[in-house]
Amino acid sequence: MRWGLVLIAVLIGAGAFAWPQLQGYALTGTAYGARVACSCRFVGGRPLGDCRKDFEPGMDLITLSEDTAAHSVTARFPLIASQTATYREGWGCVLEPWSN
C-alpha cells in the first residue's frame, strides 16, 4: 500500500513538472495544424478530410473542425490546446490570437 502511494506521488510530481512543456508542444502543434489545414481547405480548395495528409508524423491526436461561414479551421489537442486559423483575402490563413 505504501509503495502504491509513493508511486502515485511520483507520477503526480512528474506530471506537474512536464505539464508546461506538454502544453507548449500542444499549442505549437495545434497552431501548425490549424494553419496548414486552413491553407489546404480555403486556399487549395481541398476537402478538410484530405488536409490531414499534409500533417507531419506524430500529429495523429490533433482533430480538425471547420466553420465554412467564417472561413476558419480549428485544430484541437484533447484537453490541452486549441487554435484557430482564419482565411483573410489577400493575407491567406492567419492564426487567431493565442489564448490560454
PDB file of N, CA and C in Angstrom:
ATOM      1  N   MET A   1       0.824  -1.198   0.000  1.00  0.00           N
ATOM      2  CA  MET A   1       0.000   0.000   0.000  1.00  0.00           C
ATOM      3  C   MET A   1       0.867   1.260   0.000  1.00  0.00           C
ATOM      4  N   ARG A   2       1.913   1.254   0.819  1.00  0.00           N
ATOM      5  CA  ARG A   2       2.774   2.429   0.927  1.00  0.00           C
ATOM      6  C   ARG A   2       3.488   2.704  -0.397  1.00  0.00           C
ATOM      7  N   TRP A   3       3.972   1.648  -1.061  1.00  0.00           N
ATOM      8  CA  TRP A   3       4.662   1.822  -2.336  1.00  0.00           C
ATOM      9  C   TRP A   3       3.716   2.367  -3.399  1.00  0.00           C
ATOM     10  N   GLY A   4       2.481   1.983  -3.318  1.00  0.00           N
ATOM     11  CA  GLY A   4       1.493   2.493  -4.263  1.00  0.00           C
ATOM     12  C   GLY A   4       1.292   3.995  -4.107  1.00  0.00           C
ATOM     13  N   LEU A   5       1.245   4.463  -2.857  1.00  0.00           N
ATOM     14  CA  LEU A   5       1.106   5.897  -2.609  1.00  0.00           C
ATOM     15  C   LEU A   5       2.341   6.664  -3.065  1.00  0.00           C
ATOM     16  N   VAL A   6       3.515   6.081  -2.841  1.00  0.00           N
ATOM     17  CA  VAL A   6       4.756   6.717  -3.293  1.00  0.00           C
ATOM     18  C   VAL A   6       4.759   6.806  -4.819  1.00  0.00           C
ATOM     19  N   LEU A   7       4.363   5.744  -5.477  1.00  0.00           N
ATOM     20  CA  LEU A   7       4.312   5.737  -6.937  1.00  0.00           C
ATOM     21  C   LEU A   7       3.343   6.794  -7.460  1.00  0.00           C
ATOM     22  N   ILE A   8       2.187   6.897  -6.852  1.00  0.00           N
ATOM     23  CA  ILE A   8       1.207   7.905  -7.258  1.00  0.00           C
ATOM     24  C   ILE A   8       1.762   9.310  -7.057  1.00  0.00           C
ATOM     25  N   ALA A   9       2.430   9.544  -5.929  1.00  0.00           N
ATOM     26  CA  ALA A   9       3.020  10.859  -5.662  1.00  0.00           C
ATOM     27  C   ALA A   9       4.098  11.202  -6.692  1.00  0.00           C
ATOM     28  N   VAL A  10       4.921  10.221  -7.052  1.00  0.00           N
ATOM     29  CA  VAL A  10       5.969  10.450  -8.052  1.00  0.00           C
ATOM     30  C   VAL A  10       5.346  10.761  -9.413  1.00  0.00           C
ATOM     31  N   LEU A  11       4.312  10.037  -9.791  1.00  0.00           N
ATOM     32  CA  LEU A  11       3.648  10.289 -11.072  1.00  0.00           C
ATOM     33  C   LEU A  11       3.000  11.672 -11.115  1.00  0.00           C
ATOM     34  N   ILE A  12       2.384  12.080 -10.025  1.00  0.00           N
ATOM     35  CA  ILE A  12       1.777  13.413  -9.968  1.00  0.00           C
ATOM     36  C   ILE A  12       2.855  14.488 -10.060  1.00  0.00           C
ATOM     37  N   GLY A  13       3.960  14.288  -9.354  1.00  0.00           N
ATOM     38  CA  GLY A  13       5.068  15.247  -9.420  1.00  0.00           C
ATOM     39  C   GLY A  13       5.661  15.341 -10.813  1.00  0.00           C
ATOM     40  N   ALA A  14       5.847  14.204 -11.466  1.00  0.00           N
ATOM     41  CA  ALA A  14       6.393  14.203 -12.826  1.00  0.00           C
ATOM     42  C   ALA A  14       5.426  14.882 -13.792  1.00  0.00           C
ATOM     43  N   GLY A  15       4.146  14.632 -13.615  1.00  0.00           N
ATOM     44  CA  GLY A  15       3.147  15.274 -14.469  1.00  0.00           C
ATOM     45  C   GLY A  15       3.131  16.785 -14.288  1.00  0.00           C
ATOM     46  N   ALA A  16       3.228  17.244 -13.040  1.00  0.00           N
ATOM     47  CA  ALA A  16       3.263  18.684 -12.778  1.00  0.00           C
ATOM     48  C   ALA A  16       4.517  19.320 -13.370  1.00  0.00           C
ATOM     49  N   PHE A  17       5.630  18.604 -13.322  1.00  0.00           N
ATOM     50  CA  PHE A  17       6.885  19.111 -13.881  1.00  0.00           C
ATOM     51  C   PHE A  17       6.819  19.190 -15.406  1.00  0.00           C
ATOM     52  N   ALA A  18       6.221  18.196 -16.038  1.00  0.00           N
ATOM     53  CA  ALA A  18       6.191  18.119 -17.501  1.00  0.00           C
ATOM     54  C   ALA A  18       5.045  18.914 -18.130  1.00  0.00           C
ATOM     55  N   TRP A  19       4.049  19.332 -17.339  1.00  0.00           N
ATOM     56  CA  TRP A  19       2.865  19.993 -17.887  1.00  0.00           C
ATOM     57  C   TRP A  19       3.188  21.219 -18.747  1.00  0.00           C
ATOM     58  N   PRO A  20       4.018  22.162 -18.313  1.00  0.00           N
ATOM     59  CA  PRO A  20       4.287  23.339 -19.157  1.00  0.00           C
ATOM     60  C   PRO A  20       4.889  22.978 -20.520  1.00  0.00           C
ATOM     61  N   GLN A  21       5.781  22.010 -20.546  1.00  0.00           N
ATOM     62  CA  GLN A  21       6.364  21.591 -21.818  1.00  0.00           C
ATOM     63  C   GLN A  21       5.312  20.939 -22.707  1.00  0.00           C
ATOM     64  N   LEU A  22       4.509  20.069 -22.136  1.00  0.00           N
ATOM     65  CA  LEU A  22       3.462  19.400 -22.903  1.00  0.00           C
ATOM     66  C   LEU A  22       2.475  20.415 -23.463  1.00  0.00           C
ATOM     67  N   GLN A  23       2.099  21.386 -22.651  1.00  0.00           N
ATOM     68  CA  GLN A  23       1.163  22.407 -23.110  1.00  0.00           C
ATOM     69  C   GLN A  23       1.781  23.248 -24.229  1.00  0.00           C
ATOM     70  N   GLY A  24       3.052  23.579 -24.111  1.00  0.00           N
ATOM     71  CA  GLY A  24       3.731  24.344 -25.161  1.00  0.00           C
ATOM     72  C   GLY A  24       3.786  23.587 -26.474  1.00  0.00           C
ATOM     73  N   TYR A  25       4.129  22.306 -26.401  1.00  0.00           N
ATOM     74  CA  TYR A  25       4.160  21.491 -27.620  1.00  0.00           C
ATOM     75  C   TYR A  25       2.767  21.370 -28.229  1.00  0.00           C
ATOM     76  N   ALA A  26       1.750  21.211 -27.379  1.00  0.00           N
ATOM     77  CA  ALA A  26       0.380  21.075 -27.872  1.00  0.00           C
ATOM     78  C   ALA A  26      -0.092  22.366 -28.544  1.00  0.00           C
ATOM     79  N   LEU A  27       0.227  23.523 -27.957  1.00  0.00           N
ATOM     80  CA  LEU A  27      -0.153  24.802 -28.566  1.00  0.00           C
ATOM     81  C   LEU A  27       0.537  24.999 -29.913  1.00  0.00           C
ATOM     82  N   THR A  28       1.812  24.659 -29.972  1.00  0.00           N
ATOM     83  CA  THR A  28       2.547  24.792 -31.229  1.00  0.00           C
ATOM     84  C   THR A  28       1.989  23.844 -32.287  1.00  0.00           C
ATOM     85  N   GLY A  29       1.714  22.608 -31.894  1.00  0.00           N
ATOM     86  CA  GLY A  29       1.174  21.626 -32.834  1.00  0.00           C
ATOM     87  C   GLY A  29      -0.204  21.997 -33.350  1.00  0.00           C
ATOM     88  N   THR A  30      -1.063  22.506 -32.461  1.00  0.00           N
ATOM     89  CA  THR A  30      -2.400  22.887 -32.913  1.00  0.00           C
ATOM     90  C   THR A  30      -2.351  24.137 -33.793  1.00  0.00           C
ATOM     91  N   ALA A  31      -1.450  25.061 -33.490  1.00  0.00           N
ATOM     92  CA  ALA A  31      -1.300  26.249 -34.340  1.00  0.00           C
ATOM     93  C   ALA A  31      -0.831  25.840 -35.738  1.00  0.00           C
ATOM     94  N   TYR A  32       0.149  24.956 -35.787  1.00  0.00           N
ATOM     95  CA  TYR A  32       0.646  24.461 -37.076  1.00  0.00           C
ATOM     96  C   TYR A  32      -0.473  23.736 -37.828  1.00  0.00           C
ATOM     97  N   GLY A  33      -1.195  22.868 -37.127  1.00  0.00           N
ATOM     98  CA  GLY A  33      -2.273  22.107 -37.759  1.00  0.00           C
ATOM     99  C   GLY A  33      -3.379  23.000 -38.289  1.00  0.00           C
ATOM    100  N   ALA A  34      -3.771  24.014 -37.510  1.00  0.00           N
ATOM    101  CA  ALA A  34      -4.831  24.924 -37.949  1.00  0.00           C
ATOM    102  C   ALA A  34      -4.395  25.706 -39.179  1.00  0.00           C
ATOM    103  N   ARG A  35      -3.170  26.184 -39.170  1.00  0.00           N
ATOM    104  CA  ARG A  35      -2.658  26.990 -40.293  1.00  0.00           C
ATOM    105  C   ARG A  35      -2.548  26.154 -41.575  1.00  0.00           C
ATOM    106  N   VAL A  36      -1.994  24.962 -41.457  1.00  0.00           N
ATOM    107  CA  VAL A  36      -1.833  24.089 -42.622  1.00  0.00           C
ATOM    108  C   VAL A  36      -3.197  23.653 -43.165  1.00  0.00           C
ATOM    109  N   ALA A  37      -4.102  23.257 -42.282  1.00  0.00           N
ATOM    110  CA  ALA A  37      -5.423  22.797 -42.722  1.00  0.00           C
ATOM    111  C   ALA A  37      -6.243  23.939 -43.323  1.00  0.00           C
ATOM    112  N   CYS A  38      -6.139  25.129 -42.755  1.00  0.00           N
ATOM    113  CA  CYS A  38      -6.852  26.289 -43.301  1.00  0.00           C
ATOM    114  C   CYS A  38      -6.363  26.595 -44.713  1.00  0.00           C
ATOM    115  N   SER A  39      -5.052  26.584 -44.902  1.00  0.00           N
ATOM    116  CA  SER A  39      -4.493  26.844 -46.236  1.00  0.00           C
ATOM    117  C   SER A  39      -4.920  25.770 -47.225  1.00  0.00           C
ATOM    118  N   CYS A  40      -4.887  24.530 -46.777  1.00  0.00           N
ATOM    119  CA  CYS A  40      -5.297  23.414 -47.628  1.00  0.00           C
ATOM    120  C   CYS A  40      -6.762  23.568 -48.037  1.00  0.00           C
ATOM    121  N   ARG A  41      -7.604  23.912 -47.064  1.00  0.00           N
ATOM    122  CA  ARG A  41      -9.053  23.970 -47.289  1.00  0.00           C
ATOM    123  C   ARG A  41      -9.475  25.198 -48.092  1.00  0.00           C
ATOM    124  N   PHE A  42      -9.031  26.384 -47.672  1.00  0.00           N
ATOM    125  CA  PHE A  42      -9.570  27.612 -48.256  1.00  0.00           C
ATOM    126  C   PHE A  42      -8.677  28.238 -49.323  1.00  0.00           C
ATOM    127  N   VAL A  43      -7.408  27.901 -49.365  1.00  0.00           N
ATOM    128  CA  VAL A  43      -6.539  28.371 -50.443  1.00  0.00           C
ATOM    129  C   VAL A  43      -6.447  27.296 -51.520  1.00  0.00           C
ATOM    130  N   GLY A  44      -6.221  26.055 -51.081  1.00  0.00           N
ATOM    131  CA  GLY A  44      -6.089  24.950 -52.025  1.00  0.00           C
ATOM    132  C   GLY A  44      -7.405  24.384 -52.511  1.00  0.00           C
ATOM    133  N   GLY A  45      -8.497  24.635 -51.773  1.00  0.00           N
ATOM    134  CA  GLY A  45      -9.812  24.164 -52.183  1.00  0.00           C
ATOM    135  C   GLY A  45     -10.047  22.678 -51.981  1.00  0.00           C
ATOM    136  N   ARG A  46      -9.229  22.028 -51.161  1.00  0.00           N
ATOM    137  CA  ARG A  46      -9.389  20.594 -50.918  1.00  0.00           C
ATOM    138  C   ARG A  46     -10.351  20.351 -49.757  1.00  0.00           C
ATOM    139  N   PRO A  47     -10.972  19.171 -49.694  1.00  0.00           N
ATOM    140  CA  PRO A  47     -11.830  18.835 -48.554  1.00  0.00           C
ATOM    141  C   PRO A  47     -10.995  18.747 -47.273  1.00  0.00           C
ATOM    142  N   LEU A  48     -11.602  19.097 -46.143  1.00  0.00           N
ATOM    143  CA  LEU A  48     -10.875  19.111 -44.875  1.00  0.00           C
ATOM    144  C   LEU A  48     -10.289  17.747 -44.544  1.00  0.00           C
ATOM    145  N   GLY A  49     -11.012  16.679 -44.815  1.00  0.00           N
ATOM    146  CA  GLY A  49     -10.510  15.334 -44.539  1.00  0.00           C
ATOM    147  C   GLY A  49      -9.236  15.009 -45.296  1.00  0.00           C
ATOM    148  N   ASP A  50      -9.073  15.582 -46.461  1.00  0.00           N
ATOM    149  CA  ASP A  50      -7.883  15.361 -47.275  1.00  0.00           C
ATOM    150  C   ASP A  50      -6.678  16.149 -46.751  1.00  0.00           C
ATOM    151  N   CYS A  51      -6.933  17.176 -45.965  1.00  0.00           N
ATOM    152  CA  CYS A  51      -5.857  18.050 -45.479  1.00  0.00           C
ATOM    153  C   CYS A  51      -4.973  17.378 -44.434  1.00  0.00           C
ATOM    154  N   ARG A  52      -5.446  16.334 -43.799  1.00  0.00           N
ATOM    155  CA  ARG A  52      -4.622  15.622 -42.803  1.00  0.00           C
ATOM    156  C   ARG A  52      -3.378  15.021 -43.448  1.00  0.00           C
ATOM    157  N   LYS A  53      -3.422  14.796 -44.757  1.00  0.00           N
ATOM    158  CA  LYS A  53      -2.256  14.244 -45.457  1.00  0.00           C
ATOM    159  C   LYS A  53      -1.059  15.187 -45.381  1.00  0.00           C
ATOM    160  N   ASP A  54      -1.304  16.469 -45.158  1.00  0.00           N
ATOM    161  CA  ASP A  54      -0.234  17.461 -45.099  1.00  0.00           C
ATOM    162  C   ASP A  54       0.406  17.567 -43.715  1.00  0.00           C
ATOM    163  N   PHE A  55      -0.153  16.876 -42.732  1.00  0.00           N
ATOM    164  CA  PHE A  55       0.389  16.928 -41.372  1.00  0.00           C
ATOM    165  C   PHE A  55       1.703  16.167 -41.279  1.00  0.00           C
ATOM    166  N   GLU A  56       2.519  16.567 -40.327  1.00  0.00           N
ATOM    167  CA  GLU A  56       3.768  15.874 -40.034  1.00  0.00           C
ATOM    168  C   GLU A  56       3.461  14.590 -39.258  1.00  0.00           C
ATOM    169  N   PRO A  57       4.355  13.612 -39.303  1.00  0.00           N
ATOM    170  CA  PRO A  57       4.161  12.402 -38.497  1.00  0.00           C
ATOM    171  C   PRO A  57       4.074  12.762 -37.008  1.00  0.00           C
ATOM    172  N   GLY A  58       3.220  12.066 -36.286  1.00  0.00           N
ATOM    173  CA  GLY A  58       3.060  12.300 -34.858  1.00  0.00           C
ATOM    174  C   GLY A  58       1.937  13.258 -34.507  1.00  0.00           C
ATOM    175  N   MET A  59       1.204  13.722 -35.484  1.00  0.00           N
ATOM    176  CA  MET A  59       0.111  14.662 -35.226  1.00  0.00           C
ATOM    177  C   MET A  59      -1.248  13.966 -35.247  1.00  0.00           C
ATOM    178  N   ASP A  60      -1.258  12.692 -34.930  1.00  0.00           N
ATOM    179  CA  ASP A  60      -2.477  11.888 -35.014  1.00  0.00           C
ATOM    180  C   ASP A  60      -3.553  12.303 -34.010  1.00  0.00           C
ATOM    181  N   LEU A  61      -3.165  12.844 -32.853  1.00  0.00           N
ATOM    182  CA  LEU A  61      -4.144  13.201 -31.830  1.00  0.00           C
ATOM    183  C   LEU A  61      -4.835  14.533 -32.094  1.00  0.00           C
ATOM    184  N   ILE A  62      -4.340  15.300 -33.042  1.00  0.00           N
ATOM    185  CA  ILE A  62      -4.943  16.596 -33.341  1.00  0.00           C
ATOM    186  C   ILE A  62      -6.185  16.388 -34.207  1.00  0.00           C
ATOM    187  N   THR A  63      -7.297  16.976 -33.765  1.00  0.00           N
ATOM    188  CA  THR A  63      -8.546  16.896 -34.523  1.00  0.00           C
ATOM    189  C   THR A  63      -8.820  18.242 -35.189  1.00  0.00           C
ATOM    190  N   LEU A  64      -9.526  18.201 -36.298  1.00  0.00           N
ATOM    191  CA  LEU A  64      -9.829  19.407 -37.064  1.00  0.00           C
ATOM    192  C   LEU A  64     -11.332  19.604 -37.184  1.00  0.00           C
ATOM    193  N   SER A  65     -11.747  20.865 -37.167  1.00  0.00           N
ATOM    194  CA  SER A  65     -13.134  21.213 -37.473  1.00  0.00           C
ATOM    195  C   SER A  65     -13.109  22.526 -38.247  1.00  0.00           C
ATOM    196  N   GLU A  66     -14.115  22.717 -39.089  1.00  0.00           N
ATOM    197  CA  GLU A  66     -14.138  23.935 -39.898  1.00  0.00           C
ATOM    198  C   GLU A  66     -15.435  24.695 -39.708  1.00  0.00           C
ATOM    199  N   ASP A  67     -15.352  25.985 -39.882  1.00  0.00           N
ATOM    200  CA  ASP A  67     -16.510  26.866 -39.906  1.00  0.00           C
ATOM    201  C   ASP A  67     -16.502  27.510 -41.289  1.00  0.00           C
ATOM    202  N   THR A  68     -17.300  26.958 -42.199  1.00  0.00           N
ATOM    203  CA  THR A  68     -17.257  27.430 -43.585  1.00  0.00           C
ATOM    204  C   THR A  68     -17.743  28.871 -43.715  1.00  0.00           C
ATOM    205  N   ALA A  69     -18.676  29.287 -42.876  1.00  0.00           N
ATOM    206  CA  ALA A  69     -19.175  30.663 -42.948  1.00  0.00           C
ATOM    207  C   ALA A  69     -18.086  31.666 -42.571  1.00  0.00           C
ATOM    208  N   ALA A  70     -17.268  31.319 -41.587  1.00  0.00           N
ATOM    209  CA  ALA A  70     -16.193  32.215 -41.134  1.00  0.00           C
ATOM    210  C   ALA A  70     -14.880  31.954 -41.863  1.00  0.00           C
ATOM    211  N   HIS A  71     -14.847  30.954 -42.735  1.00  0.00           N
ATOM    212  CA  HIS A  71     -13.620  30.549 -43.436  1.00  0.00           C
ATOM    213  C   HIS A  71     -12.496  30.277 -42.440  1.00  0.00           C
ATOM    214  N   SER A  72     -12.786  29.450 -41.440  1.00  0.00           N
ATOM    215  CA  SER A  72     -11.776  29.152 -40.426  1.00  0.00           C
ATOM    216  C   SER A  72     -11.708  27.657 -40.144  1.00  0.00           C
ATOM    217  N   VAL A  73     -10.551  27.244 -39.654  1.00  0.00           N
ATOM    218  CA  VAL A  73     -10.319  25.863 -39.240  1.00  0.00           C
ATOM    219  C   VAL A  73      -9.760  25.896 -37.825  1.00  0.00           C
ATOM    220  N   THR A  74     -10.288  25.025 -36.969  1.00  0.00           N
ATOM    221  CA  THR A  74      -9.802  24.909 -35.599  1.00  0.00           C
ATOM    222  C   THR A  74      -9.170  23.544 -35.420  1.00  0.00           C
ATOM    223  N   ALA A  75      -7.977  23.543 -34.834  1.00  0.00           N
ATOM    224  CA  ALA A  75      -7.273  22.300 -34.510  1.00  0.00           C
ATOM    225  C   ALA A  75      -7.256  22.164 -32.993  1.00  0.00           C
ATOM    226  N   ARG A  76      -7.518  20.937 -32.507  1.00  0.00           N
ATOM    227  CA  ARG A  76      -7.572  20.699 -31.058  1.00  0.00           C
ATOM    228  C   ARG A  76      -6.712  19.504 -30.676  1.00  0.00           C
ATOM    229  N   PHE A  77      -6.031  19.652 -29.543  1.00  0.00           N
ATOM    230  CA  PHE A  77      -5.339  18.542 -28.895  1.00  0.00           C
ATOM    231  C   PHE A  77      -6.138  18.277 -27.634  1.00  0.00           C
ATOM    232  N   PRO A  78      -6.650  17.067 -27.426  1.00  0.00           N
ATOM    233  CA  PRO A  78      -7.612  16.787 -26.361  1.00  0.00           C
ATOM    234  C   PRO A  78      -7.210  17.325 -24.985  1.00  0.00           C
ATOM    235  N   LEU A  79      -8.089  18.121 -24.404  1.00  0.00           N
ATOM    236  CA  LEU A  79      -8.000  18.647 -23.044  1.00  0.00           C
ATOM    237  C   LEU A  79      -6.845  19.611 -22.800  1.00  0.00           C
ATOM    238  N   ILE A  80      -6.050  19.942 -23.816  1.00  0.00           N
ATOM    239  CA  ILE A  80      -4.869  20.770 -23.560  1.00  0.00           C
ATOM    240  C   ILE A  80      -4.851  22.043 -24.392  1.00  0.00           C
ATOM    241  N   ALA A  81      -5.084  21.953 -25.694  1.00  0.00           N
ATOM    242  CA  ALA A  81      -4.884  23.127 -26.547  1.00  0.00           C
ATOM    243  C   ALA A  81      -5.861  23.157 -27.711  1.00  0.00           C
ATOM    244  N   SER A  82      -6.126  24.378 -28.173  1.00  0.00           N
ATOM    245  CA  SER A  82      -6.988  24.604 -29.325  1.00  0.00           C
ATOM    246  C   SER A  82      -6.539  25.897 -29.998  1.00  0.00           C
ATOM    247  N   GLN A  83      -6.411  25.868 -31.319  1.00  0.00           N
ATOM    248  CA  GLN A  83      -6.009  27.056 -32.073  1.00  0.00           C
ATOM    249  C   GLN A  83      -6.856  27.154 -33.336  1.00  0.00           C
ATOM    250  N   THR A  84      -7.130  28.378 -33.770  1.00  0.00           N
ATOM    251  CA  THR A  84      -7.947  28.625 -34.953  1.00  0.00           C
ATOM    252  C   THR A  84      -7.179  29.481 -35.952  1.00  0.00           C
ATOM    253  N   ALA A  85      -7.278  29.108 -37.214  1.00  0.00           N
ATOM    254  CA  ALA A  85      -6.728  29.909 -38.311  1.00  0.00           C
ATOM    255  C   ALA A  85      -7.884  30.311 -39.220  1.00  0.00           C
ATOM    256  N   THR A  86      -7.892  31.568 -39.648  1.00  0.00           N
ATOM    257  CA  THR A  86      -8.966  32.110 -40.469  1.00  0.00           C
ATOM    258  C   THR A  86      -8.403  32.633 -41.785  1.00  0.00           C
ATOM    259  N   TYR A  87      -9.101  32.320 -42.882  1.00  0.00           N
ATOM    260  CA  TYR A  87      -8.682  32.807 -44.197  1.00  0.00           C
ATOM    261  C   TYR A  87      -9.075  34.268 -44.344  1.00  0.00           C
ATOM    262  N   ARG A  88      -8.105  35.094 -44.708  1.00  0.00           N
ATOM    263  CA  ARG A  88      -8.336  36.514 -44.957  1.00  0.00           C
ATOM    264  C   ARG A  88      -7.882  36.830 -46.378  1.00  0.00           C
ATOM    265  N   GLU A  89      -8.789  37.371 -47.169  1.00  0.00           N
ATOM    266  CA  GLU A  89      -8.480  37.705 -48.563  1.00  0.00           C
ATOM    267  C   GLU A  89      -7.244  38.603 -48.625  1.00  0.00           C
ATOM    268  N   GLY A  90      -6.302  38.213 -49.448  1.00  0.00           N
ATOM    269  CA  GLY A  90      -5.076  38.979 -49.608  1.00  0.00           C
ATOM    270  C   GLY A  90      -3.980  38.635 -48.612  1.00  0.00           C
ATOM    271  N   TRP A  91      -4.330  37.956 -47.537  1.00  0.00           N
ATOM    272  CA  TRP A  91      -3.367  37.583 -46.499  1.00  0.00           C
ATOM    273  C   TRP A  91      -3.201  36.076 -46.377  1.00  0.00           C
ATOM    274  N   GLY A  92      -4.131  35.318 -46.889  1.00  0.00           N
ATOM    275  CA  GLY A  92      -4.095  33.871 -46.700  1.00  0.00           C
ATOM    276  C   GLY A  92      -4.670  33.505 -45.342  1.00  0.00           C
ATOM    277  N   CYS A  93      -4.203  32.416 -44.780  1.00  0.00           N
ATOM    278  CA  CYS A  93      -4.700  31.957 -43.483  1.00  0.00           C
ATOM    279  C   CYS A  93      -3.823  32.503 -42.364  1.00  0.00           C
ATOM    280  N   VAL A  94      -4.462  33.143 -41.410  1.00  0.00           N
ATOM    281  CA  VAL A  94      -3.742  33.722 -40.275  1.00  0.00           C
ATOM    282  C   VAL A  94      -4.282  33.123 -38.985  1.00  0.00           C
ATOM    283  N   LEU A  95      -3.402  32.964 -38.013  1.00  0.00           N
ATOM    284  CA  LEU A  95      -3.808  32.434 -36.717  1.00  0.00           C
ATOM    285  C   LEU A  95      -4.526  33.498 -35.910  1.00  0.00           C
ATOM    286  N   GLU A  96      -5.551  33.071 -35.205  1.00  0.00           N
ATOM    287  CA  GLU A  96      -6.216  33.963 -34.261  1.00  0.00           C
ATOM    288  C   GLU A  96      -5.290  34.135 -33.055  1.00  0.00           C
ATOM    289  N   PRO A  97      -5.463  35.199 -32.280  1.00  0.00           N
ATOM    290  CA  PRO A  97      -4.587  35.401 -31.115  1.00  0.00           C
ATOM    291  C   PRO A  97      -4.611  34.200 -30.178  1.00  0.00           C
ATOM    292  N   TRP A  98      -3.449  33.882 -29.622  1.00  0.00           N
ATOM    293  CA  TRP A  98      -3.326  32.754 -28.700  1.00  0.00           C
ATOM    294  C   TRP A  98      -4.064  33.073 -27.422  1.00  0.00           C
ATOM    295  N   SER A  99      -4.721  32.074 -26.886  1.00  0.00           N
ATOM    296  CA  SER A  99      -5.405  32.232 -25.602  1.00  0.00           C
ATOM    297  C   SER A  99      -5.078  31.034 -24.730  1.00  0.00           C
ATOM    298  N   ASN A 100      -4.957  31.282 -23.459  1.00  0.00           N
ATOM    299  CA  ASN A 100      -4.650  30.189 -22.505  1.00  0.00           C
ATOM    300  C   ASN A 100      -5.834  29.892 -21.645  1.00  0.00           C
TER     301      ASN A 100
END
